[in-house]
Amino acid sequence: MRRFVRASLALAVLGICSAASGSEEPEGWAYELASDVMSPYCPGRTLSECPSPQADQLRTWIILQEASGRTRADVEAELIERFGDGIRSRPRAEGFGLMAYVLPVVIFVAGGLLVAVFLRRQMRGAPSAAQEAPVETLDPELERRIDEELAG
């Protein structure tokens, strides 16, 4: 019985260790770069998501470049040189590409100002309780008749 418990404990410890080591993300920038660039072989997908054999070769090439000591910036520049600026997953934050970052903020702020102006005008035009028209009183004869009907 003791052997069974020890063997079970040993297997549990090994299972936990292997699960913990398998859930860790690989170190380095190569895997991150593959997730950050678009695949030249699968339109609309990042390089890490592309299932084509050419994408596998390119991912392997990136990993080898990292292992050889090259910097991420150098490898990224070479990829852009080989495949063009379309390999970027997001535009550069300079020149016309800066509009992709600035324009949404400007539109959001302008929309907020437009809503604020609209609400201010609506509040200015709404009558307050003091400005409401006075309630008209009924004719005294009609009031008397209503009171008689209600009492009777």
Protein backbone atom coordinates (compact mmCIF):
# COMPACT_ATOMS: atom_id res chain seq x y z
CA MET A 1 0.00 0.00 0.00
CA ARG A 2 2.86 2.39 0.79
CA ARG A 3 4.40 1.78 -2.61
CA PHE A 4 1.12 2.65 -4.28
CA VAL A 5 0.86 5.92 -2.31
CA ARG A 6 4.48 6.82 -3.05
CA ALA A 7 4.08 6.03 -6.74
CA SER A 8 0.86 8.08 -6.89
CA LEU A 9 2.58 11.01 -5.18
CA ALA A 10 5.55 10.79 -7.53
CA LEU A 11 3.27 10.74 -10.58
CA ALA A 12 1.27 13.67 -9.24
CA VAL A 13 4.43 15.72 -8.64
CA LEU A 14 5.72 14.89 -12.13
CA GLY A 15 2.37 15.81 -13.65
CA ILE A 16 2.28 19.14 -11.85
CA CYS A 17 5.86 19.92 -12.86
CA SER A 18 5.24 19.07 -16.50
CA ALA A 19 1.99 21.06 -16.57
CA ALA A 20 3.74 24.05 -15.04
CA SER A 21 6.64 23.87 -17.47
CA GLY A 22 4.29 23.43 -20.44
CA SER A 23 2.16 26.46 -19.56
CA GLU A 24 5.09 28.87 -19.52
CA GLU A 25 5.52 31.04 -22.56
CA PRO A 26 8.81 30.74 -24.43
CA GLU A 27 11.32 33.40 -23.57
CA GLY A 28 12.70 35.88 -26.06
CA TRP A 29 11.30 38.17 -28.68
CA ALA A 30 10.98 35.74 -31.60
CA TYR A 31 7.55 34.41 -30.62
CA GLU A 32 6.33 37.90 -29.80
CA LEU A 33 7.53 39.18 -33.18
CA ALA A 34 5.72 36.34 -34.96
CA SER A 35 2.53 37.48 -33.21
CA ASP A 36 3.16 41.14 -34.04
CA VAL A 37 3.71 40.87 -37.82
CA MET A 38 1.21 39.92 -40.50
CA SER A 39 1.83 36.81 -42.52
CA PRO A 40 2.84 37.41 -46.14
CA TYR A 41 1.39 33.96 -46.95
CA CYS A 42 -2.03 34.13 -45.20
CA PRO A 43 -3.76 37.48 -45.81
CA GLY A 44 -5.43 38.86 -42.71
CA ARG A 45 -3.58 36.60 -40.27
CA THR A 46 -0.56 37.15 -38.11
CA LEU A 47 2.51 35.05 -38.79
CA SER A 48 1.92 33.00 -35.64
CA GLU A 49 -1.63 32.12 -36.78
CA CYS A 50 -0.78 31.18 -40.37
CA PRO A 51 -0.82 27.40 -40.99
CA SER A 52 1.16 27.41 -44.26
CA PRO A 53 4.55 25.67 -44.54
CA GLN A 54 6.17 28.92 -45.71
CA ALA A 55 4.99 30.59 -42.49
CA ASP A 56 6.56 27.75 -40.51
CA GLN A 57 9.84 28.36 -42.32
CA LEU A 58 9.65 32.09 -41.63
CA ARG A 59 8.89 31.52 -37.93
CA THR A 60 11.85 29.14 -37.72
CA TRP A 61 14.05 31.72 -39.45
CA ILE A 62 12.99 34.36 -36.88
CA ILE A 63 13.81 31.99 -34.00
CA LEU A 64 17.22 31.26 -35.53
CA GLN A 65 17.90 34.98 -35.90
CA GLU A 66 17.16 35.49 -32.22
CA ALA A 67 19.38 32.52 -31.29
CA SER A 68 22.23 33.96 -33.36
CA GLY A 69 22.10 37.19 -31.34
CA ARG A 70 20.43 39.60 -33.72
CA THR A 71 18.15 42.25 -32.28
CA ARG A 72 14.42 42.35 -32.82
CA ALA A 73 14.66 45.72 -34.55
CA ASP A 74 17.16 44.34 -37.09
CA VAL A 75 15.04 41.29 -37.87
CA GLU A 76 11.87 43.39 -38.10
CA ALA A 77 13.62 45.83 -40.46
CA GLU A 78 14.76 42.92 -42.66
CA LEU A 79 11.23 41.50 -42.76
CA ILE A 80 9.85 44.89 -43.81
CA GLU A 81 12.56 45.16 -46.47
CA ARG A 82 11.77 41.67 -47.83
CA PHE A 83 7.95 41.76 -47.66
CA GLY A 84 7.09 45.45 -47.64
CA ASP A 85 5.38 47.72 -45.12
CA GLY A 86 2.19 45.61 -45.30
CA ILE A 87 3.75 43.07 -42.97
CA ARG A 88 3.20 45.44 -40.06
CA SER A 89 0.16 44.62 -37.95
CA ARG A 90 -0.35 48.29 -37.10
CA PRO A 91 0.71 51.48 -38.84
CA ARG A 92 3.74 53.50 -37.85
CA ALA A 93 3.10 56.34 -35.43
CA GLU A 94 4.61 58.87 -37.82
CA GLY A 95 3.50 60.70 -40.92
CA PHE A 96 0.16 59.59 -42.33
CA GLY A 97 0.13 56.51 -40.07
CA LEU A 98 -0.12 58.85 -37.09
CA MET A 99 -3.68 59.61 -38.20
CA ALA A 100 -4.69 56.06 -37.19
CA TYR A 101 -3.85 56.96 -33.59
CA VAL A 102 -4.86 60.63 -33.47
CA LEU A 103 -8.09 60.61 -35.48
CA PRO A 104 -10.12 58.37 -33.12
CA VAL A 105 -9.18 60.56 -30.15
CA VAL A 106 -10.13 63.73 -32.02
CA ILE A 107 -13.47 62.23 -33.11
CA PHE A 108 -14.20 61.07 -29.56
CA VAL A 109 -13.48 64.51 -28.07
CA ALA A 110 -15.46 66.31 -30.80
CA GLY A 111 -18.40 63.97 -30.24
CA GLY A 112 -18.30 64.65 -26.51
CA LEU A 113 -18.29 68.40 -27.12
CA LEU A 114 -21.19 68.06 -29.56
CA VAL A 115 -23.23 66.14 -26.99
CA ALA A 116 -22.38 68.70 -24.29
CA VAL A 117 -23.49 71.61 -26.50
CA PHE A 118 -26.70 69.78 -27.46
CA LEU A 119 -27.57 69.02 -23.84
CA ARG A 120 -26.82 72.58 -22.75
CA ARG A 121 -29.17 73.96 -25.41
CA GLN A 122 -31.86 71.50 -24.44
CA MET A 123 -31.61 72.48 -20.79
CA ARG A 124 -31.70 76.19 -21.64
CA GLY A 125 -34.91 75.80 -23.67
CA ALA A 126 -36.78 73.66 -21.11
CA PRO A 127 -39.12 75.69 -18.87
CA SER A 128 -38.48 75.49 -15.14
CA ALA A 129 -41.23 74.99 -12.55
CA ALA A 130 -41.40 78.73 -11.88
CA GLN A 131 -41.86 79.52 -15.57
CA GLU A 132 -44.73 77.06 -16.15
CA ALA A 133 -48.14 78.51 -16.94
CA PRO A 134 -50.46 78.79 -13.92
CA VAL A 135 -53.18 76.17 -13.63
CA GLU A 136 -56.55 77.55 -14.67
CA THR A 137 -59.30 77.32 -12.06
CA LEU A 138 -62.71 75.97 -12.94
CA ASP A 139 -65.82 78.03 -13.12
CA PRO A 140 -67.29 78.34 -9.57
CA GLU A 141 -70.69 77.04 -10.72
CA LEU A 142 -69.04 73.96 -12.28
CA GLU A 143 -67.04 73.32 -9.13
CA ARG A 144 -70.22 73.48 -7.02
CA ARG A 145 -71.96 70.96 -9.29
CA ILE A 146 -68.98 68.59 -9.16
CA ASP A 147 -68.95 68.80 -5.36
CA GLU A 148 -72.71 68.05 -5.20
CA GLU A 149 -72.30 65.02 -7.48
CA LEU A 150 -69.41 63.68 -5.46
CA ALA A 151 -71.22 64.19 -2.13
CA GLY A 152 -74.50 62.80 -3.21
